[in-house]
PDB file of all heavy atoms in Angstrom:
ATOM      1  N   ASN A   1      -0.783  -3.926  12.466  1.00  0.00           N
ATOM      2  CA  ASN A   1       0.019  -3.220  11.446  1.00  0.00           C
ATOM      3  C   ASN A   1       0.625  -4.187  10.424  1.00  0.00           C
ATOM      4  O   ASN A   1       0.700  -3.901   9.250  1.00  0.00           O
ATOM      5  CB  ASN A   1       1.084  -2.386  12.093  1.00  0.00           C
ATOM      6  CG  ASN A   1       0.531  -1.173  12.820  1.00  0.00           C
ATOM      7  OD1 ASN A   1      -0.568  -0.701  12.469  1.00  0.00           O
ATOM      8  ND2 ASN A   1       1.257  -0.670  13.802  1.00  0.00           N
ATOM      9  N   ARG A   2       1.031  -5.360  10.886  1.00  0.00           N
ATOM     10  CA  ARG A   2       1.578  -6.349   9.969  1.00  0.00           C
ATOM     11  C   ARG A   2       0.521  -6.841   8.997  1.00  0.00           C
ATOM     12  O   ARG A   2       0.786  -7.035   7.784  1.00  0.00           O
ATOM     13  CB  ARG A   2       2.203  -7.560  10.724  1.00  0.00           C
ATOM     14  CG  ARG A   2       3.489  -7.196  11.442  1.00  0.00           C
ATOM     15  CD  ARG A   2       4.122  -8.425  12.017  1.00  0.00           C
ATOM     16  NE  ARG A   2       4.666  -9.293  10.985  1.00  0.00           N
ATOM     17  CZ  ARG A   2       5.840  -9.126  10.354  1.00  0.00           C
ATOM     18  NH1 ARG A   2       6.607  -8.120  10.670  1.00  0.00           N
ATOM     19  NH2 ARG A   2       6.252  -9.986   9.434  1.00  0.00           N
ATOM     20  N   MET A   3      -0.703  -6.986   9.498  1.00  0.00           N
ATOM     21  CA  MET A   3      -1.758  -7.420   8.621  1.00  0.00           C
ATOM     22  C   MET A   3      -2.155  -6.312   7.616  1.00  0.00           C
ATOM     23  O   MET A   3      -2.516  -6.585   6.477  1.00  0.00           O
ATOM     24  CB  MET A   3      -2.984  -7.845   9.425  1.00  0.00           C
ATOM     25  CG  MET A   3      -2.770  -9.140  10.207  1.00  0.00           C
ATOM     26  SD  MET A   3      -2.585 -10.633   9.191  1.00  0.00           S
ATOM     27  CE  MET A   3      -0.773 -10.728   8.956  1.00  0.00           C
ATOM     28  N   GLU A   4      -2.103  -5.045   8.049  1.00  0.00           N
ATOM     29  CA  GLU A   4      -2.397  -3.941   7.145  1.00  0.00           C
ATOM     30  C   GLU A   4      -1.355  -3.888   6.008  1.00  0.00           C
ATOM     31  O   GLU A   4      -1.700  -3.713   4.860  1.00  0.00           O
ATOM     32  CB  GLU A   4      -2.374  -2.612   7.897  1.00  0.00           C
ATOM     33  CG  GLU A   4      -3.469  -2.410   8.915  1.00  0.00           C
ATOM     34  CD  GLU A   4      -4.812  -2.060   8.266  1.00  0.00           C
ATOM     35  OE1 GLU A   4      -4.936  -2.085   7.036  1.00  0.00           O
ATOM     36  OE2 GLU A   4      -5.738  -1.712   9.041  1.00  0.00           O
ATOM     37  N   LEU A   5      -0.102  -4.059   6.345  1.00  0.00           N
ATOM     38  CA  LEU A   5       0.963  -4.030   5.336  1.00  0.00           C
ATOM     39  C   LEU A   5       0.847  -5.254   4.397  1.00  0.00           C
ATOM     40  O   LEU A   5       1.019  -5.121   3.171  1.00  0.00           O
ATOM     41  CB  LEU A   5       2.344  -4.049   6.033  1.00  0.00           C
ATOM     42  CG  LEU A   5       2.739  -2.766   6.757  1.00  0.00           C
ATOM     43  CD1 LEU A   5       3.894  -3.064   7.746  1.00  0.00           C
ATOM     44  CD2 LEU A   5       3.129  -1.689   5.778  1.00  0.00           C
ATOM     45  N   THR A   6       0.552  -6.382   4.965  1.00  0.00           N
ATOM     46  CA  THR A   6       0.363  -7.580   4.127  1.00  0.00           C
ATOM     47  C   THR A   6      -0.795  -7.411   3.164  1.00  0.00           C
ATOM     48  O   THR A   6      -0.727  -7.788   1.992  1.00  0.00           O
ATOM     49  CB  THR A   6       0.130  -8.825   5.026  1.00  0.00           C
ATOM     50  OG1 THR A   6       1.250  -9.010   5.896  1.00  0.00           O
ATOM     51  CG2 THR A   6      -0.090 -10.066   4.202  1.00  0.00           C
ATOM     52  N   ALA A   7      -1.894  -6.857   3.687  1.00  0.00           N
ATOM     53  CA  ALA A   7      -3.081  -6.649   2.830  1.00  0.00           C
ATOM     54  C   ALA A   7      -2.730  -5.718   1.663  1.00  0.00           C
ATOM     55  O   ALA A   7      -3.191  -5.970   0.520  1.00  0.00           O
ATOM     56  CB  ALA A   7      -4.199  -6.033   3.682  1.00  0.00           C
ATOM     57  N   LEU A   8      -1.978  -4.679   1.907  1.00  0.00           N
ATOM     58  CA  LEU A   8      -1.632  -3.761   0.812  1.00  0.00           C
ATOM     59  C   LEU A   8      -0.747  -4.460  -0.207  1.00  0.00           C
ATOM     60  O   LEU A   8      -0.966  -4.285  -1.432  1.00  0.00           O
ATOM     61  CB  LEU A   8      -0.930  -2.534   1.392  1.00  0.00           C
ATOM     62  CG  LEU A   8      -0.843  -1.353   0.402  1.00  0.00           C
ATOM     63  CD1 LEU A   8      -2.192  -0.661   0.329  1.00  0.00           C
ATOM     64  CD2 LEU A   8       0.232  -0.364   0.796  1.00  0.00           C
ATOM     65  N   ALA A   9       0.212  -5.212   0.239  1.00  0.00           N
ATOM     66  CA  ALA A   9       1.077  -5.937  -0.677  1.00  0.00           C
ATOM     67  C   ALA A   9       0.294  -6.900  -1.545  1.00  0.00           C
ATOM     68  O   ALA A   9       0.475  -7.003  -2.766  1.00  0.00           O
ATOM     69  CB  ALA A   9       2.168  -6.673   0.081  1.00  0.00           C
ATOM     70  N   GLU A  10      -0.622  -7.630  -0.921  1.00  0.00           N
ATOM     71  CA  GLU A  10      -1.437  -8.622  -1.644  1.00  0.00           C
ATOM     72  C   GLU A  10      -2.436  -7.909  -2.580  1.00  0.00           C
ATOM     73  O   GLU A  10      -2.734  -8.412  -3.657  1.00  0.00           O
ATOM     74  CB  GLU A  10      -2.192  -9.519  -0.661  1.00  0.00           C
ATOM     75  CG  GLU A  10      -1.276 -10.370   0.211  1.00  0.00           C
ATOM     76  CD  GLU A  10      -0.610 -11.506  -0.555  1.00  0.00           C
ATOM     77  OE1 GLU A  10      -1.048 -11.802  -1.692  1.00  0.00           O
ATOM     78  OE2 GLU A  10       0.308 -12.101  -0.040  1.00  0.00           O
ATOM     79  N   GLY A  11      -2.897  -6.769  -2.159  1.00  0.00           N
ATOM     80  CA  GLY A  11      -3.817  -5.991  -3.005  1.00  0.00           C
ATOM     81  C   GLY A  11      -3.151  -5.493  -4.247  1.00  0.00           C
ATOM     82  O   GLY A  11      -3.713  -5.537  -5.362  1.00  0.00           O
ATOM     83  N   ILE A  12      -1.925  -4.980  -4.113  1.00  0.00           N
ATOM     84  CA  ILE A  12      -1.151  -4.508  -5.269  1.00  0.00           C
ATOM     85  C   ILE A  12      -0.944  -5.654  -6.260  1.00  0.00           C
ATOM     86  O   ILE A  12      -1.023  -5.481  -7.476  1.00  0.00           O
ATOM     87  CB  ILE A  12       0.196  -3.890  -4.822  1.00  0.00           C
ATOM     88  CG1 ILE A  12      -0.072  -2.584  -4.155  1.00  0.00           C
ATOM     89  CG2 ILE A  12       1.128  -3.769  -6.025  1.00  0.00           C
ATOM     90  CD1 ILE A  12       1.183  -1.936  -3.543  1.00  0.00           C
ATOM     91  N   ALA A  13      -0.711  -6.847  -5.738  1.00  0.00           N
ATOM     92  CA  ALA A  13      -0.423  -8.013  -6.577  1.00  0.00           C
ATOM     93  C   ALA A  13      -1.657  -8.394  -7.433  1.00  0.00           C
ATOM     94  O   ALA A  13      -1.502  -9.086  -8.446  1.00  0.00           O
ATOM     95  CB  ALA A  13       0.004  -9.175  -5.734  1.00  0.00           C
ATOM     96  N   LEU A  14      -2.842  -7.934  -7.039  1.00  0.00           N
ATOM     97  CA  LEU A  14      -4.054  -8.274  -7.773  1.00  0.00           C
ATOM     98  C   LEU A  14      -4.133  -7.450  -9.101  1.00  0.00           C
ATOM     99  O   LEU A  14      -4.888  -7.825 -10.000  1.00  0.00           O
ATOM    100  CB  LEU A  14      -5.273  -7.984  -6.937  1.00  0.00           C
ATOM    101  CG  LEU A  14      -5.466  -8.781  -5.659  1.00  0.00           C
ATOM    102  CD1 LEU A  14      -6.728  -8.347  -4.933  1.00  0.00           C
ATOM    103  CD2 LEU A  14      -5.533 -10.301  -5.978  1.00  0.00           C
ATOM    104  N   VAL A  15      -3.409  -6.325  -9.176  1.00  0.00           N
ATOM    105  CA  VAL A  15      -3.494  -5.439 -10.337  1.00  0.00           C
ATOM    106  C   VAL A  15      -2.400  -5.750 -11.357  1.00  0.00           C
ATOM    107  O   VAL A  15      -1.234  -5.748 -11.005  1.00  0.00           O
ATOM    108  CB  VAL A  15      -3.384  -3.976  -9.880  1.00  0.00           C
ATOM    109  CG1 VAL A  15      -3.632  -3.016 -11.061  1.00  0.00           C
ATOM    110  CG2 VAL A  15      -4.405  -3.683  -8.780  1.00  0.00           C
ATOM    111  N   PRO A  16      -2.771  -6.013 -12.596  1.00  0.00           N
ATOM    112  CA  PRO A  16      -1.759  -6.264 -13.587  1.00  0.00           C
ATOM    113  C   PRO A  16      -0.799  -5.109 -13.725  1.00  0.00           C
ATOM    114  O   PRO A  16      -1.176  -3.935 -13.642  1.00  0.00           O
ATOM    115  CB  PRO A  16      -2.578  -6.436 -14.887  1.00  0.00           C
ATOM    116  CG  PRO A  16      -3.935  -6.835 -14.441  1.00  0.00           C
ATOM    117  CD  PRO A  16      -4.151  -6.131 -13.134  1.00  0.00           C
ATOM    118  N   GLU A  17       0.474  -5.397 -13.930  1.00  0.00           N
ATOM    119  CA  GLU A  17       1.491  -4.326 -14.039  1.00  0.00           C
ATOM    120  C   GLU A  17       1.133  -3.415 -15.198  1.00  0.00           C
ATOM    121  O   GLU A  17       0.728  -3.843 -16.273  1.00  0.00           O
ATOM    122  CB  GLU A  17       2.858  -4.950 -14.223  1.00  0.00           C
ATOM    123  CG  GLU A  17       3.401  -5.644 -12.996  1.00  0.00           C
ATOM    124  CD  GLU A  17       4.855  -6.039 -13.142  1.00  0.00           C
ATOM    125  OE1 GLU A  17       5.534  -5.537 -14.061  1.00  0.00           O
ATOM    126  OE2 GLU A  17       5.314  -6.844 -12.326  1.00  0.00           O
ATOM    127  N   GLY A  18       1.305  -2.126 -14.964  1.00  0.00           N
ATOM    128  CA  GLY A  18       0.996  -1.114 -15.982  1.00  0.00           C
ATOM    129  C   GLY A  18      -0.407  -0.613 -15.965  1.00  0.00           C
ATOM    130  O   GLY A  18      -0.730   0.346 -16.671  1.00  0.00           O
ATOM    131  N   THR A  19      -1.267  -1.250 -15.152  1.00  0.00           N
ATOM    132  CA  THR A  19      -2.678  -0.828 -15.069  1.00  0.00           C
ATOM    133  C   THR A  19      -2.842   0.230 -13.966  1.00  0.00           C
ATOM    134  O   THR A  19      -2.599  -0.089 -12.788  1.00  0.00           O
ATOM    135  CB  THR A  19      -3.597  -2.020 -14.755  1.00  0.00           C
ATOM    136  OG1 THR A  19      -3.415  -3.020 -15.752  1.00  0.00           O
ATOM    137  CG2 THR A  19      -5.040  -1.599 -14.697  1.00  0.00           C
ATOM    138  N   PRO A  20      -3.260   1.446 -14.287  1.00  0.00           N
ATOM    139  CA  PRO A  20      -3.456   2.456 -13.277  1.00  0.00           C
ATOM    140  C   PRO A  20      -4.553   2.066 -12.301  1.00  0.00           C
ATOM    141  O   PRO A  20      -5.607   1.521 -12.679  1.00  0.00           O
ATOM    142  CB  PRO A  20      -3.829   3.716 -14.087  1.00  0.00           C
ATOM    143  CG  PRO A  20      -3.350   3.438 -15.454  1.00  0.00           C
ATOM    144  CD  PRO A  20      -3.518   1.936 -15.663  1.00  0.00           C
ATOM    145  N   ALA A  21      -4.319   2.343 -11.028  1.00  0.00           N
ATOM    146  CA  ALA A  21      -5.333   2.029 -10.020  1.00  0.00           C
ATOM    147  C   ALA A  21      -5.001   2.783  -8.741  1.00  0.00           C
ATOM    148  O   ALA A  21      -3.838   3.109  -8.464  1.00  0.00           O
ATOM    149  CB  ALA A  21      -5.410   0.560  -9.733  1.00  0.00           C
ATOM    150  N   THR A  22      -6.031   3.091  -7.984  1.00  0.00           N
ATOM    151  CA  THR A  22      -5.848   3.647  -6.634  1.00  0.00           C
ATOM    152  C   THR A  22      -5.990   2.526  -5.619  1.00  0.00           C
ATOM    153  O   THR A  22      -6.939   1.777  -5.661  1.00  0.00           O
ATOM    154  CB  THR A  22      -6.881   4.733  -6.358  1.00  0.00           C
ATOM    155  OG1 THR A  22      -6.767   5.810  -7.291  1.00  0.00           O
ATOM    156  CG2 THR A  22      -6.701   5.278  -4.934  1.00  0.00           C
ATOM    157  N   VAL A  23      -5.006   2.429  -4.750  1.00  0.00           N
ATOM    158  CA  VAL A  23      -4.988   1.381  -3.739  1.00  0.00           C
ATOM    159  C   VAL A  23      -5.382   2.004  -2.407  1.00  0.00           C
ATOM    160  O   VAL A  23      -4.681   2.874  -1.890  1.00  0.00           O
ATOM    161  CB  VAL A  23      -3.627   0.722  -3.599  1.00  0.00           C
ATOM    162  CG1 VAL A  23      -3.663  -0.429  -2.612  1.00  0.00           C
ATOM    163  CG2 VAL A  23      -3.148   0.220  -4.958  1.00  0.00           C
ATOM    164  N   HIS A  24      -6.515   1.619  -1.898  1.00  0.00           N
ATOM    165  CA  HIS A  24      -7.085   2.234  -0.687  1.00  0.00           C
ATOM    166  C   HIS A  24      -6.728   1.422   0.556  1.00  0.00           C
ATOM    167  O   HIS A  24      -6.845   0.206   0.563  1.00  0.00           O
ATOM    168  CB  HIS A  24      -8.609   2.314  -0.788  1.00  0.00           C
ATOM    169  CG  HIS A  24      -9.098   3.081  -1.973  1.00  0.00           C
ATOM    170  ND1 HIS A  24      -9.334   4.431  -1.943  1.00  0.00           N
ATOM    171  CD2 HIS A  24      -9.416   2.655  -3.219  1.00  0.00           C
ATOM    172  CE1 HIS A  24      -9.777   4.830  -3.142  1.00  0.00           C
ATOM    173  NE2 HIS A  24      -9.838   3.772  -3.922  1.00  0.00           N
ATOM    174  N   THR A  25      -6.383   2.119   1.619  1.00  0.00           N
ATOM    175  CA  THR A  25      -6.172   1.494   2.939  1.00  0.00           C
ATOM    176  C   THR A  25      -6.702   2.464   3.999  1.00  0.00           C
ATOM    177  O   THR A  25      -6.608   3.681   3.833  1.00  0.00           O
ATOM    178  CB  THR A  25      -4.690   1.213   3.229  1.00  0.00           C
ATOM    179  OG1 THR A  25      -4.557   0.815   4.613  1.00  0.00           O
ATOM    180  CG2 THR A  25      -3.809   2.436   3.007  1.00  0.00           C
ATOM    181  N   ASP A  26      -7.307   1.920   5.039  1.00  0.00           N
ATOM    182  CA  ASP A  26      -7.815   2.808   6.076  1.00  0.00           C
ATOM    183  C   ASP A  26      -6.810   2.972   7.218  1.00  0.00           C
ATOM    184  O   ASP A  26      -7.142   3.419   8.280  1.00  0.00           O
ATOM    185  CB  ASP A  26      -9.170   2.324   6.642  1.00  0.00           C
ATOM    186  CG  ASP A  26      -9.153   0.924   7.142  1.00  0.00           C
ATOM    187  OD1 ASP A  26      -8.094   0.441   7.519  1.00  0.00           O
ATOM    188  OD2 ASP A  26     -10.228   0.276   7.176  1.00  0.00           O
ATOM    189  N   SER A  27      -5.573   2.567   6.951  1.00  0.00           N
ATOM    190  CA  SER A  27      -4.498   2.787   7.917  1.00  0.00           C
ATOM    191  C   SER A  27      -3.643   3.976   7.506  1.00  0.00           C
ATOM    192  O   SER A  27      -2.871   3.913   6.540  1.00  0.00           O
ATOM    193  CB  SER A  27      -3.614   1.531   7.998  1.00  0.00           C
ATOM    194  OG  SER A  27      -2.441   1.789   8.770  1.00  0.00           O
ATOM    195  N   LYS A  28      -3.748   5.073   8.228  1.00  0.00           N
ATOM    196  CA  LYS A  28      -2.941   6.251   7.934  1.00  0.00           C
ATOM    197  C   LYS A  28      -1.461   5.940   8.162  1.00  0.00           C
ATOM    198  O   LYS A  28      -0.574   6.541   7.499  1.00  0.00           O
ATOM    199  CB  LYS A  28      -3.358   7.407   8.783  1.00  0.00           C
ATOM    200  CG  LYS A  28      -4.733   7.987   8.389  1.00  0.00           C
ATOM    201  CD  LYS A  28      -5.081   9.233   9.174  1.00  0.00           C
ATOM    202  CE  LYS A  28      -6.371   9.854   8.720  1.00  0.00           C
ATOM    203  NZ  LYS A  28      -6.751  11.079   9.484  1.00  0.00           N
ATOM    204  N   LEU A  29      -1.163   5.049   9.087  1.00  0.00           N
ATOM    205  CA  LEU A  29       0.238   4.668   9.357  1.00  0.00           C
ATOM    206  C   LEU A  29       0.842   4.065   8.111  1.00  0.00           C
ATOM    207  O   LEU A  29       1.991   4.378   7.765  1.00  0.00           O
ATOM    208  CB  LEU A  29       0.280   3.685  10.514  1.00  0.00           C
ATOM    209  CG  LEU A  29       1.678   3.144  10.883  1.00  0.00           C
ATOM    210  CD1 LEU A  29       2.542   4.272  11.411  1.00  0.00           C
ATOM    211  CD2 LEU A  29       1.578   2.026  11.888  1.00  0.00           C
ATOM    212  N   VAL A  30       0.136   3.197   7.439  1.00  0.00           N
ATOM    213  CA  VAL A  30       0.635   2.550   6.250  1.00  0.00           C
ATOM    214  C   VAL A  30       0.840   3.583   5.138  1.00  0.00           C
ATOM    215  O   VAL A  30       1.847   3.581   4.437  1.00  0.00           O
ATOM    216  CB  VAL A  30      -0.307   1.416   5.781  1.00  0.00           C
ATOM    217  CG1 VAL A  30       0.050   0.953   4.379  1.00  0.00           C
ATOM    218  CG2 VAL A  30      -0.274   0.270   6.742  1.00  0.00           C
ATOM    219  N   VAL A  31      -0.104   4.505   4.975  1.00  0.00           N
ATOM    220  CA  VAL A  31      -0.012   5.529   3.926  1.00  0.00           C
ATOM    221  C   VAL A  31       1.225   6.382   4.208  1.00  0.00           C
ATOM    222  O   VAL A  31       2.029   6.635   3.282  1.00  0.00           O
ATOM    223  CB  VAL A  31      -1.282   6.390   3.875  1.00  0.00           C
ATOM    224  CG1 VAL A  31      -1.085   7.572   2.921  1.00  0.00           C
ATOM    225  CG2 VAL A  31      -2.478   5.566   3.431  1.00  0.00           C
ATOM    226  N   ASP A  32       1.353   6.867   5.432  1.00  0.00           N
ATOM    227  CA  ASP A  32       2.501   7.724   5.788  1.00  0.00           C
ATOM    228  C   ASP A  32       3.817   6.991   5.602  1.00  0.00           C
ATOM    229  O   ASP A  32       4.827   7.561   5.155  1.00  0.00           O
ATOM    230  CB  ASP A  32       2.371   8.226   7.212  1.00  0.00           C
ATOM    231  CG  ASP A  32       1.276   9.248   7.384  1.00  0.00           C
ATOM    232  OD1 ASP A  32       0.832   9.842   6.375  1.00  0.00           O
ATOM    233  OD2 ASP A  32       0.819   9.468   8.529  1.00  0.00           O
ATOM    234  N   THR A  33       3.834   5.729   6.004  1.00  0.00           N
ATOM    235  CA  THR A  33       5.062   4.941   5.874  1.00  0.00           C
ATOM    236  C   THR A  33       5.511   4.843   4.418  1.00  0.00           C
ATOM    237  O   THR A  33       6.693   5.088   4.127  1.00  0.00           O
ATOM    238  CB  THR A  33       4.831   3.517   6.428  1.00  0.00           C
ATOM    239  OG1 THR A  33       4.556   3.608   7.842  1.00  0.00           O
ATOM    240  CG2 THR A  33       6.043   2.634   6.188  1.00  0.00           C
ATOM    241  N   LEU A  34       4.614   4.517   3.528  1.00  0.00           N
ATOM    242  CA  LEU A  34       4.989   4.261   2.121  1.00  0.00           C
ATOM    243  C   LEU A  34       5.121   5.509   1.289  1.00  0.00           C
ATOM    244  O   LEU A  34       5.882   5.530   0.299  1.00  0.00           O
ATOM    245  CB  LEU A  34       3.965   3.315   1.501  1.00  0.00           C
ATOM    246  CG  LEU A  34       3.902   1.910   2.132  1.00  0.00           C
ATOM    247  CD1 LEU A  34       2.785   1.103   1.482  1.00  0.00           C
ATOM    248  CD2 LEU A  34       5.215   1.179   1.934  1.00  0.00           C
ATOM    249  N   THR A  35       4.388   6.553   1.621  1.00  0.00           N
ATOM    250  CA  THR A  35       4.441   7.772   0.794  1.00  0.00           C
ATOM    251  C   THR A  35       5.357   8.831   1.358  1.00  0.00           C
ATOM    252  O   THR A  35       5.683   9.811   0.634  1.00  0.00           O
ATOM    253  CB  THR A  35       3.039   8.383   0.642  1.00  0.00           C
ATOM    254  OG1 THR A  35       2.547   8.754   1.944  1.00  0.00           O
ATOM    255  CG2 THR A  35       2.065   7.353   0.050  1.00  0.00           C
ATOM    256  N   SER A  36       5.837   8.687   2.592  1.00  0.00           N
ATOM    257  CA  SER A  36       6.641   9.742   3.200  1.00  0.00           C
ATOM    258  C   SER A  36       7.859   9.158   3.943  1.00  0.00           C
ATOM    259  O   SER A  36       8.986   9.329   3.510  1.00  0.00           O
ATOM    260  CB  SER A  36       5.821  10.563   4.161  1.00  0.00           C
ATOM    261  OG  SER A  36       6.571  11.557   4.802  1.00  0.00           O
ATOM    262  N   TRP A  37       7.630   8.487   5.026  1.00  0.00           N
ATOM    263  CA  TRP A  37       8.722   8.091   5.945  1.00  0.00           C
ATOM    264  C   TRP A  37       9.750   7.163   5.282  1.00  0.00           C
ATOM    265  O   TRP A  37      10.942   7.288   5.535  1.00  0.00           O
ATOM    266  CB  TRP A  37       8.154   7.437   7.191  1.00  0.00           C
ATOM    267  CG  TRP A  37       7.186   8.319   7.922  1.00  0.00           C
ATOM    268  CD1 TRP A  37       7.141   9.688   7.912  1.00  0.00           C
ATOM    269  CD2 TRP A  37       6.125   7.887   8.766  1.00  0.00           C
ATOM    270  NE1 TRP A  37       6.097  10.128   8.705  1.00  0.00           N
ATOM    271  CE2 TRP A  37       5.480   9.052   9.264  1.00  0.00           C
ATOM    272  CE3 TRP A  37       5.674   6.644   9.179  1.00  0.00           C
ATOM    273  CZ2 TRP A  37       4.373   8.976  10.081  1.00  0.00           C
ATOM    274  CZ3 TRP A  37       4.583   6.570  10.050  1.00  0.00           C
ATOM    275  CH2 TRP A  37       3.928   7.733  10.490  1.00  0.00           C
ATOM    276  N   ALA A  38       9.292   6.200   4.490  1.00  0.00           N
ATOM    277  CA  ALA A  38      10.200   5.219   3.939  1.00  0.00           C
ATOM    278  C   ALA A  38      11.275   5.824   3.051  1.00  0.00           C
ATOM    279  O   ALA A  38      12.384   5.315   2.948  1.00  0.00           O
ATOM    280  CB  ALA A  38       9.419   4.155   3.155  1.00  0.00           C
ATOM    281  N   HIS A  39      10.951   6.951   2.393  1.00  0.00           N
ATOM    282  CA  HIS A  39      11.945   7.622   1.544  1.00  0.00           C
ATOM    283  C   HIS A  39      13.159   8.020   2.378  1.00  0.00           C
ATOM    284  O   HIS A  39      14.315   7.798   1.977  1.00  0.00           O
ATOM    285  CB  HIS A  39      11.327   8.838   0.863  1.00  0.00           C
ATOM    286  CG  HIS A  39      10.283   8.483  -0.155  1.00  0.00           C
ATOM    287  ND1 HIS A  39      10.552   8.158  -1.451  1.00  0.00           N
ATOM    288  CD2 HIS A  39       8.928   8.408  -0.021  1.00  0.00           C
ATOM    289  CE1 HIS A  39       9.447   7.911  -2.104  1.00  0.00           C
ATOM    290  NE2 HIS A  39       8.428   8.040  -1.257  1.00  0.00           N
ATOM    291  N   GLY A  40      12.900   8.647   3.548  1.00  0.00           N
ATOM    292  CA  GLY A  40      13.970   9.060   4.425  1.00  0.00           C
ATOM    293  C   GLY A  40      14.692   7.916   5.063  1.00  0.00           C
ATOM    294  O   GLY A  40      15.952   7.920   5.183  1.00  0.00           O
TER     295      GLY A  40
END
């Protein structure tokens, strides 16, 4: 899980700010964490 989170952070850093993009991960845990649980 730490490697999945690190990969996502590093992947986002590859995209210039303001450039629309879809960031794909095959970890549902990471998706749920960032799009749902972290808000609460």
